Protein backbone atom coordinates (compact mmCIF):
# COMPACT_ATOMS: atom_id res chain seq x y z
CA UNK A 1 3.93 -20.08 -19.08
CA UNK A 2 5.76 -22.98 -16.05
CA UNK A 3 4.24 -22.11 -12.97
CA UNK A 4 7.03 -23.89 -11.42
CA UNK A 5 9.72 -21.57 -13.27
CA UNK A 6 8.25 -18.74 -12.16
CA UNK A 7 8.05 -19.71 -8.70
CA UNK A 8 4.77 -20.86 -8.35
CA UNK A 9 3.50 -17.36 -8.07
CA UNK A 10 5.21 -15.42 -5.14
CA UNK A 11 4.84 -11.36 -3.68
CA UNK A 12 6.76 -9.05 -5.71
CA UNK A 13 8.73 -6.26 -3.56
CA UNK A 14 7.51 -4.07 -6.60
CA UNK A 15 3.47 -5.18 -6.17
CA UNK A 16 3.93 -4.85 -2.49
CA UNK A 17 5.20 -1.20 -2.38
CA UNK A 18 3.60 -0.06 -5.64
CA UNK A 19 0.01 -1.14 -3.05
CA UNK A 20 1.29 1.50 -0.61
CA UNK A 21 2.28 4.23 -1.94
CA UNK A 22 -1.90 3.87 -4.12
CA UNK A 23 -3.20 3.50 -0.43
CA UNK A 24 -0.92 6.72 0.45
CA UNK A 25 -1.51 8.84 -3.10
CA UNK A 26 -4.93 8.08 -2.98
CA UNK A 27 -5.30 9.93 0.86
CA UNK A 28 -4.00 12.80 -1.21
CA UNK A 29 -5.95 13.30 -3.98
CA UNK A 30 -8.87 12.63 -0.79
CA UNK A 31 -7.57 15.82 1.07
CA UNK A 32 -6.82 17.77 -2.38
CA UNK A 33 -10.23 16.89 -3.89
CA UNK A 34 -11.35 17.99 -0.72
CA UNK A 35 -9.66 21.34 -0.35
CA UNK A 36 -11.53 22.01 -3.56
CA UNK A 37 -14.81 21.09 -2.06
CA UNK A 38 -15.01 18.03 -3.93
CA UNK A 39 -16.50 15.38 -1.43
CA UNK A 40 -16.52 11.26 -2.50
CA UNK A 41 -19.70 10.43 -3.57
CA UNK A 42 -22.29 7.73 -1.88
CA UNK A 43 -20.69 5.13 -4.86
CA UNK A 44 -17.17 5.86 -4.10
CA UNK A 45 -17.47 5.51 -0.21
CA UNK A 46 -19.26 2.07 -1.12
CA UNK A 47 -16.05 0.62 -3.37
CA UNK A 48 -13.62 2.20 -0.48
CA UNK A 49 -15.39 0.45 2.49
CA UNK A 50 -14.89 -3.13 0.65
CA UNK A 51 -11.12 -1.83 0.12
CA UNK A 52 -10.60 -0.30 3.54
CA UNK A 53 -11.36 -2.96 6.75
CA UNK A 54 -11.53 -0.46 9.09
CA UNK A 55 -13.47 2.12 7.03
CA UNK A 56 -16.80 3.09 8.53
CA UNK A 57 -18.86 5.81 7.11
CA UNK A 58 -18.98 8.60 10.10
CA UNK A 59 -22.79 10.88 11.43
CA UNK A 60 -21.56 14.43 9.34
CA UNK A 61 -18.95 14.39 6.08
CA UNK A 62 -16.12 16.02 6.85
CA UNK A 63 -15.73 13.27 10.32
CA UNK A 64 -16.62 10.51 6.97
CA UNK A 65 -13.18 12.22 5.09
CA UNK A 66 -10.73 12.41 8.04
CA UNK A 67 -11.13 8.50 8.71
CA UNK A 68 -11.35 7.78 5.40
CA UNK A 69 -8.06 9.66 4.50
CA UNK A 70 -6.63 7.86 8.40
CA UNK A 71 -8.15 4.14 6.62
CA UNK A 72 -6.68 4.97 3.57
CA UNK A 73 -2.71 5.69 5.29
CA UNK A 74 -2.86 3.45 8.02
CA UNK A 75 -3.28 0.46 4.95
CA UNK A 76 -0.53 1.94 3.26
CA UNK A 77 1.37 1.75 6.70
CA UNK A 78 0.76 -1.76 7.18
CA UNK A 79 1.27 -2.77 3.88
CA UNK A 80 5.24 -0.76 4.45
CA UNK A 81 5.05 -3.32 8.54
CA UNK A 82 5.26 -6.29 5.79
CA UNK A 83 7.74 -5.27 4.09
CA UNK A 84 9.50 -3.92 7.12
CA UNK A 85 8.66 -7.55 8.40
CA UNK A 86 10.46 -9.46 5.95
CA UNK A 87 13.11 -7.43 4.45
CA UNK A 88 14.62 -6.58 8.28
CA UNK A 89 15.98 -10.15 8.96
CA UNK A 90 18.30 -9.18 5.74
CA UNK A 91 19.74 -6.46 6.78
CA UNK A 92 16.73 -5.14 4.79
CA UNK A 93 18.97 -5.99 0.90
CA UNK A 94 14.74 -6.15 -0.41
CA UNK A 95 14.41 -8.94 -3.70
CA UNK A 96 12.43 -9.05 -6.54
CA UNK A 97 9.97 -11.60 -4.09
CA UNK A 98 10.15 -13.24 -0.95
CA UNK A 99 8.46 -16.94 -0.97
CA UNK A 100 4.88 -17.42 -0.34
CA UNK A 101 5.24 -20.34 2.18
CA UNK A 102 8.67 -19.35 3.74
CA UNK A 103 8.50 -15.18 3.79
CA UNK A 104 12.67 -15.65 2.74
CA UNK A 105 14.35 -14.63 -0.80
CA UNK A 106 12.89 -16.15 -3.47
CA UNK A 107 14.66 -14.90 -7.29
CA UNK A 108 16.66 -11.79 -8.00
CA UNK A 109 18.56 -10.36 -4.80
CA UNK A 110 18.83 -6.03 -4.64
CA UNK A 111 16.23 -5.86 -7.15
CA UNK A 112 16.66 -1.45 -7.86
CA UNK A 113 12.69 -2.05 -9.31
CA UNK A 114 11.83 -3.18 -5.27
CA UNK A 115 13.81 -0.20 -4.07
CA UNK A 116 12.64 1.82 -6.21
CA UNK A 117 9.06 0.82 -5.13
CA UNK A 118 9.51 0.64 -1.70
CA UNK A 119 11.32 4.24 -1.70
CA UNK A 120 8.11 6.03 -4.00
CA UNK A 121 6.23 4.81 -0.75
CA UNK A 122 8.13 6.02 2.03
CA UNK A 123 7.87 9.61 -0.40
CA UNK A 124 4.43 9.95 -0.50
CA UNK A 125 3.34 9.02 2.87
CA UNK A 126 3.83 12.48 4.16
CA UNK A 127 1.72 13.75 1.13
CA UNK A 128 -0.99 11.99 2.69
CA UNK A 129 -0.47 13.02 6.15
């Protein structure tokens, strides 16, 4: 496929909203597991450290768990803030993708799946708290 035809590889709102949703769902899953007495393994904690720049293991298991959940929610929130940053100038119309150089609309405008991914992330955020 010709990269120029595809816009050179720009950020898609669908994927960006999906990333925020993934962070929120993971926070909710960690909480649900903890309620059943299941805590992340050391391997999982190592993986989380690699994907969450602000996450650090704490002295005890419960404090680590609380910090992990808040770190996951914070990452989801930062992704949603990026969507807000790019959508606000256009009155919150969501395109298929944003130009990676300018941050402006690129490609199809008001794409249903773009709105769907953002709304799904917003819907799942309260479950992660």
